[in-house]
Amino acid sequence: MANGIDRRRHSRLDEPAKLLVSKTMGALNLSESGMMIKCPKAIPVGRHLQLDLDLDGYRLAISAEVLRCTDARSIYHPGYEIGVRFEGHSVSEQLKLREFISTLS
């Protein structure tokens, strides 16, 4: 949030417990346009990732760009918080994301 203005295009679902990104990465929040991932290692800003999301049985392979990487290591959180923006997904995939988010909200 810059200057008190939230620039997000879509609302975020915090801690979508049902959503795992991989064995080592989990989701901290999710929206139709991106997500925050907890990760044991840093990922450079600008890197493009291929994510494989399981939306309650619907597999979604989606490309994402790393927008930020924050060192969040502590005794409670042994890693990094990685903010990504989804890119190049279809309208039907965005609708699946929207549906998944609305069922958990």
N, C-alpha and C. Protein backbone atom coordinates (compact mmCIF):
# COMPACT_ATOMS: atom_id res chain seq x y z
N MET A 1 0.85 -1.17 0.00
CA MET A 1 0.00 0.00 0.00
C MET A 1 0.89 1.23 0.00
N ALA A 2 0.85 2.00 -1.04
CA ALA A 2 1.66 3.21 -1.16
C ALA A 2 0.78 4.43 -0.92
N ASN A 3 1.25 5.34 -0.08
CA ASN A 3 0.50 6.56 0.23
C ASN A 3 -0.90 6.27 0.74
N GLY A 4 -1.07 5.13 1.44
CA GLY A 4 -2.38 4.78 1.98
C GLY A 4 -3.37 4.28 0.95
N ILE A 5 -2.92 4.05 -0.28
CA ILE A 5 -3.81 3.60 -1.35
C ILE A 5 -3.49 2.14 -1.68
N ASP A 6 -4.51 1.29 -1.63
CA ASP A 6 -4.34 -0.12 -1.99
C ASP A 6 -4.50 -0.23 -3.50
N ARG A 7 -3.43 -0.64 -4.19
CA ARG A 7 -3.45 -0.69 -5.65
C ARG A 7 -3.84 -2.06 -6.19
N ARG A 8 -4.25 -2.97 -5.35
CA ARG A 8 -4.62 -4.30 -5.81
C ARG A 8 -5.89 -4.24 -6.65
N ARG A 9 -5.87 -5.01 -7.74
CA ARG A 9 -7.04 -5.07 -8.61
C ARG A 9 -8.10 -6.01 -8.05
N HIS A 10 -7.66 -7.02 -7.30
CA HIS A 10 -8.57 -8.03 -6.77
C HIS A 10 -8.35 -8.21 -5.27
N SER A 11 -9.42 -8.52 -4.56
CA SER A 11 -9.27 -8.77 -3.13
C SER A 11 -8.50 -10.07 -2.92
N ARG A 12 -7.88 -10.18 -1.78
CA ARG A 12 -7.05 -11.33 -1.47
C ARG A 12 -7.69 -12.19 -0.40
N LEU A 13 -7.52 -13.49 -0.54
CA LEU A 13 -7.95 -14.46 0.44
C LEU A 13 -6.72 -14.81 1.27
N ASP A 14 -6.74 -14.47 2.56
CA ASP A 14 -5.60 -14.75 3.41
C ASP A 14 -5.58 -16.21 3.86
N GLU A 15 -4.38 -16.77 3.89
CA GLU A 15 -4.11 -18.13 4.34
C GLU A 15 -5.07 -19.17 3.74
N PRO A 16 -5.04 -19.34 2.43
CA PRO A 16 -5.89 -20.37 1.80
C PRO A 16 -5.31 -21.76 2.10
N ALA A 17 -5.64 -22.30 3.27
CA ALA A 17 -5.03 -23.52 3.79
C ALA A 17 -5.10 -24.70 2.82
N LYS A 18 -6.12 -24.73 1.99
CA LYS A 18 -6.26 -25.85 1.06
C LYS A 18 -5.30 -25.77 -0.12
N LEU A 19 -4.61 -24.66 -0.28
CA LEU A 19 -3.79 -24.46 -1.47
C LEU A 19 -2.31 -24.65 -1.17
N LEU A 20 -1.72 -25.67 -1.76
CA LEU A 20 -0.28 -25.88 -1.68
C LEU A 20 0.31 -25.61 -3.04
N VAL A 21 1.45 -24.97 -3.08
CA VAL A 21 2.11 -24.68 -4.34
C VAL A 21 3.06 -25.81 -4.69
N SER A 22 3.78 -26.32 -3.71
CA SER A 22 4.67 -27.47 -3.89
C SER A 22 4.97 -28.04 -2.52
N LYS A 23 5.83 -29.05 -2.46
CA LYS A 23 6.18 -29.64 -1.17
C LYS A 23 6.89 -28.65 -0.26
N THR A 24 7.59 -27.68 -0.83
CA THR A 24 8.35 -26.73 -0.03
C THR A 24 7.74 -25.34 0.02
N MET A 25 6.72 -25.07 -0.79
CA MET A 25 6.11 -23.74 -0.82
C MET A 25 4.62 -23.83 -0.54
N GLY A 26 4.13 -22.92 0.29
CA GLY A 26 2.71 -22.83 0.58
C GLY A 26 2.21 -21.43 0.33
N ALA A 27 0.91 -21.28 0.21
CA ALA A 27 0.31 -19.98 -0.08
C ALA A 27 -0.02 -19.24 1.21
N LEU A 28 0.36 -17.96 1.26
CA LEU A 28 -0.01 -17.09 2.37
C LEU A 28 -1.29 -16.33 2.06
N ASN A 29 -1.46 -15.96 0.78
CA ASN A 29 -2.71 -15.37 0.33
C ASN A 29 -2.84 -15.58 -1.17
N LEU A 30 -4.03 -15.37 -1.68
CA LEU A 30 -4.33 -15.65 -3.08
C LEU A 30 -5.36 -14.68 -3.60
N SER A 31 -5.17 -14.23 -4.84
CA SER A 31 -6.19 -13.43 -5.52
C SER A 31 -6.24 -13.91 -6.97
N GLU A 32 -7.13 -13.32 -7.74
CA GLU A 32 -7.23 -13.69 -9.16
C GLU A 32 -6.00 -13.26 -9.94
N SER A 33 -5.26 -12.29 -9.43
CA SER A 33 -4.13 -11.77 -10.18
C SER A 33 -2.76 -12.16 -9.62
N GLY A 34 -2.72 -12.77 -8.46
CA GLY A 34 -1.43 -13.16 -7.90
C GLY A 34 -1.56 -13.80 -6.54
N MET A 35 -0.40 -14.02 -5.92
CA MET A 35 -0.41 -14.63 -4.60
C MET A 35 0.88 -14.34 -3.87
N MET A 36 0.86 -14.60 -2.56
CA MET A 36 2.05 -14.51 -1.73
C MET A 36 2.37 -15.94 -1.31
N ILE A 37 3.63 -16.31 -1.52
CA ILE A 37 4.08 -17.68 -1.25
C ILE A 37 5.12 -17.65 -0.14
N LYS A 38 5.07 -18.63 0.76
CA LYS A 38 6.16 -18.80 1.71
C LYS A 38 7.11 -19.83 1.12
N CYS A 39 8.39 -19.51 1.17
CA CYS A 39 9.40 -20.31 0.48
C CYS A 39 10.66 -20.40 1.35
N PRO A 40 11.33 -21.54 1.41
CA PRO A 40 12.53 -21.65 2.25
C PRO A 40 13.74 -20.91 1.70
N LYS A 41 13.71 -20.52 0.43
CA LYS A 41 14.86 -19.79 -0.14
C LYS A 41 14.38 -18.56 -0.90
N ALA A 42 15.28 -17.62 -1.06
CA ALA A 42 14.96 -16.39 -1.79
C ALA A 42 14.83 -16.68 -3.28
N ILE A 43 13.92 -15.95 -3.93
CA ILE A 43 13.76 -16.03 -5.38
C ILE A 43 13.89 -14.60 -5.90
N PRO A 44 14.78 -14.36 -6.85
CA PRO A 44 15.03 -13.00 -7.31
C PRO A 44 13.80 -12.34 -7.96
N VAL A 45 13.64 -11.05 -7.68
CA VAL A 45 12.59 -10.25 -8.32
C VAL A 45 12.83 -10.28 -9.82
N GLY A 46 11.75 -10.43 -10.58
CA GLY A 46 11.84 -10.49 -12.03
C GLY A 46 11.87 -11.90 -12.58
N ARG A 47 12.17 -12.88 -11.75
CA ARG A 47 12.20 -14.28 -12.21
C ARG A 47 10.79 -14.73 -12.55
N HIS A 48 10.69 -15.53 -13.59
CA HIS A 48 9.41 -16.10 -14.00
C HIS A 48 9.33 -17.54 -13.49
N LEU A 49 8.20 -17.86 -12.87
CA LEU A 49 7.99 -19.18 -12.29
C LEU A 49 6.85 -19.89 -12.99
N GLN A 50 6.90 -21.18 -12.99
CA GLN A 50 5.79 -22.01 -13.46
C GLN A 50 5.21 -22.65 -12.20
N LEU A 51 3.99 -22.29 -11.83
CA LEU A 51 3.35 -22.80 -10.63
C LEU A 51 2.31 -23.84 -11.00
N ASP A 52 2.20 -24.85 -10.18
CA ASP A 52 1.20 -25.90 -10.37
C ASP A 52 0.28 -25.87 -9.17
N LEU A 53 -0.90 -25.27 -9.33
CA LEU A 53 -1.84 -25.11 -8.23
C LEU A 53 -2.92 -26.18 -8.28
N ASP A 54 -3.29 -26.67 -7.13
CA ASP A 54 -4.39 -27.63 -7.02
C ASP A 54 -5.56 -26.91 -6.37
N LEU A 55 -6.54 -26.55 -7.19
CA LEU A 55 -7.72 -25.81 -6.71
C LEU A 55 -8.84 -26.80 -6.46
N ASP A 56 -8.78 -27.48 -5.33
CA ASP A 56 -9.78 -28.48 -4.96
C ASP A 56 -10.01 -29.51 -6.05
N GLY A 57 -8.94 -30.09 -6.55
CA GLY A 57 -9.04 -31.12 -7.57
C GLY A 57 -8.84 -30.63 -8.99
N TYR A 58 -8.91 -29.34 -9.21
CA TYR A 58 -8.66 -28.77 -10.53
C TYR A 58 -7.22 -28.30 -10.57
N ARG A 59 -6.41 -28.92 -11.44
CA ARG A 59 -4.99 -28.55 -11.55
C ARG A 59 -4.85 -27.36 -12.48
N LEU A 60 -4.14 -26.36 -12.00
CA LEU A 60 -3.93 -25.16 -12.79
C LEU A 60 -2.43 -24.88 -12.88
N ALA A 61 -1.87 -25.05 -14.07
CA ALA A 61 -0.48 -24.69 -14.33
C ALA A 61 -0.49 -23.25 -14.79
N ILE A 62 0.20 -22.38 -14.07
CA ILE A 62 0.13 -20.96 -14.35
C ILE A 62 1.52 -20.33 -14.24
N SER A 63 1.78 -19.40 -15.13
CA SER A 63 3.04 -18.66 -15.10
C SER A 63 2.87 -17.46 -14.18
N ALA A 64 3.97 -17.09 -13.52
CA ALA A 64 3.93 -15.95 -12.61
C ALA A 64 5.28 -15.26 -12.61
N GLU A 65 5.25 -13.96 -12.34
CA GLU A 65 6.48 -13.18 -12.23
C GLU A 65 6.66 -12.77 -10.77
N VAL A 66 7.87 -12.92 -10.25
CA VAL A 66 8.19 -12.51 -8.88
C VAL A 66 8.27 -10.98 -8.84
N LEU A 67 7.42 -10.37 -7.99
CA LEU A 67 7.40 -8.92 -7.84
C LEU A 67 8.16 -8.47 -6.60
N ARG A 68 8.18 -9.34 -5.59
CA ARG A 68 8.93 -8.99 -4.39
C ARG A 68 9.35 -10.25 -3.65
N CYS A 69 10.44 -10.12 -2.91
CA CYS A 69 10.96 -11.20 -2.09
C CYS A 69 11.40 -10.59 -0.77
N THR A 70 10.74 -10.98 0.30
CA THR A 70 11.01 -10.40 1.61
C THR A 70 11.58 -11.47 2.54
N ASP A 71 12.67 -11.15 3.19
CA ASP A 71 13.27 -12.05 4.17
C ASP A 71 12.38 -12.05 5.40
N ALA A 72 11.70 -13.14 5.65
CA ALA A 72 10.77 -13.24 6.77
C ALA A 72 11.24 -14.30 7.77
N ARG A 73 12.52 -14.60 7.73
CA ARG A 73 13.04 -15.64 8.62
C ARG A 73 12.92 -15.21 10.08
N SER A 74 12.40 -16.11 10.87
CA SER A 74 12.28 -15.92 12.30
C SER A 74 12.13 -17.31 12.92
N ILE A 75 11.97 -17.37 14.22
CA ILE A 75 11.77 -18.69 14.82
C ILE A 75 10.41 -19.27 14.43
N TYR A 76 9.51 -18.42 13.97
CA TYR A 76 8.17 -18.87 13.58
C TYR A 76 8.05 -19.13 12.08
N HIS A 77 8.88 -18.51 11.30
CA HIS A 77 8.77 -18.59 9.84
C HIS A 77 10.18 -18.70 9.26
N PRO A 78 10.62 -19.90 8.90
CA PRO A 78 12.01 -20.10 8.48
C PRO A 78 12.27 -19.82 7.00
N GLY A 79 11.74 -18.75 6.48
CA GLY A 79 11.97 -18.52 5.06
C GLY A 79 11.62 -17.14 4.57
N TYR A 80 11.19 -17.10 3.33
CA TYR A 80 10.94 -15.85 2.61
C TYR A 80 9.47 -15.78 2.18
N GLU A 81 9.00 -14.56 2.01
CA GLU A 81 7.68 -14.32 1.46
C GLU A 81 7.88 -13.79 0.05
N ILE A 82 7.31 -14.50 -0.92
CA ILE A 82 7.50 -14.19 -2.33
C ILE A 82 6.15 -13.73 -2.91
N GLY A 83 6.10 -12.49 -3.38
CA GLY A 83 4.89 -11.97 -4.01
C GLY A 83 4.98 -12.16 -5.52
N VAL A 84 3.99 -12.83 -6.10
CA VAL A 84 4.00 -13.08 -7.54
C VAL A 84 2.73 -12.55 -8.19
N ARG A 85 2.85 -12.18 -9.46
CA ARG A 85 1.72 -11.77 -10.28
C ARG A 85 1.54 -12.82 -11.37
N PHE A 86 0.32 -13.33 -11.49
CA PHE A 86 0.03 -14.31 -12.54
C PHE A 86 0.08 -13.63 -13.89
N GLU A 87 0.51 -14.38 -14.90
CA GLU A 87 0.57 -13.81 -16.25
C GLU A 87 0.18 -14.87 -17.27
N GLY A 88 -0.53 -14.42 -18.28
CA GLY A 88 -0.84 -15.28 -19.42
C GLY A 88 -1.88 -16.36 -19.18
N HIS A 89 -2.69 -16.23 -18.14
CA HIS A 89 -3.72 -17.26 -17.95
C HIS A 89 -5.00 -16.87 -18.69
N SER A 90 -5.76 -17.89 -19.03
CA SER A 90 -6.96 -17.68 -19.83
C SER A 90 -8.12 -17.18 -18.97
N VAL A 91 -9.17 -16.76 -19.62
CA VAL A 91 -10.37 -16.31 -18.93
C VAL A 91 -10.96 -17.46 -18.12
N SER A 92 -10.98 -18.66 -18.67
CA SER A 92 -11.54 -19.80 -17.94
C SER A 92 -10.71 -20.12 -16.70
N GLU A 93 -9.39 -19.95 -16.80
CA GLU A 93 -8.53 -20.19 -15.63
C GLU A 93 -8.76 -19.11 -14.57
N GLN A 94 -8.97 -17.87 -15.00
CA GLN A 94 -9.25 -16.81 -14.05
C GLN A 94 -10.60 -17.05 -13.37
N LEU A 95 -11.57 -17.55 -14.11
CA LEU A 95 -12.87 -17.87 -13.51
C LEU A 95 -12.74 -19.00 -12.50
N LYS A 96 -11.89 -19.98 -12.77
CA LYS A 96 -11.65 -21.06 -11.82
C LYS A 96 -11.03 -20.52 -10.54
N LEU A 97 -10.07 -19.61 -10.69
CA LEU A 97 -9.47 -18.97 -9.52
C LEU A 97 -10.53 -18.22 -8.72
N ARG A 98 -11.35 -17.44 -9.40
CA ARG A 98 -12.41 -16.67 -8.74
C ARG A 98 -13.36 -17.59 -7.98
N GLU A 99 -13.76 -18.68 -8.62
CA GLU A 99 -14.66 -19.65 -8.00
C GLU A 99 -14.02 -20.26 -6.76
N PHE A 100 -12.76 -20.66 -6.87
CA PHE A 100 -12.03 -21.25 -5.75
C PHE A 100 -11.96 -20.27 -4.58
N ILE A 101 -11.63 -19.02 -4.86
CA ILE A 101 -11.52 -18.00 -3.82
C ILE A 101 -12.86 -17.75 -3.16
N SER A 102 -13.93 -17.69 -3.95
CA SER A 102 -15.26 -17.42 -3.38
C SER A 102 -15.75 -18.57 -2.51
N THR A 103 -15.38 -19.81 -2.83
CA THR A 103 -15.81 -20.93 -1.99
C THR A 103 -15.09 -20.94 -0.65
N LEU A 104 -13.90 -20.36 -0.57
CA LEU A 104 -13.15 -20.32 0.69
C LEU A 104 -13.39 -19.05 1.48
N SER A 105 -13.99 -18.04 0.85
CA SER A 105 -14.21 -16.75 1.55
C SER A 105 -15.32 -16.86 2.56
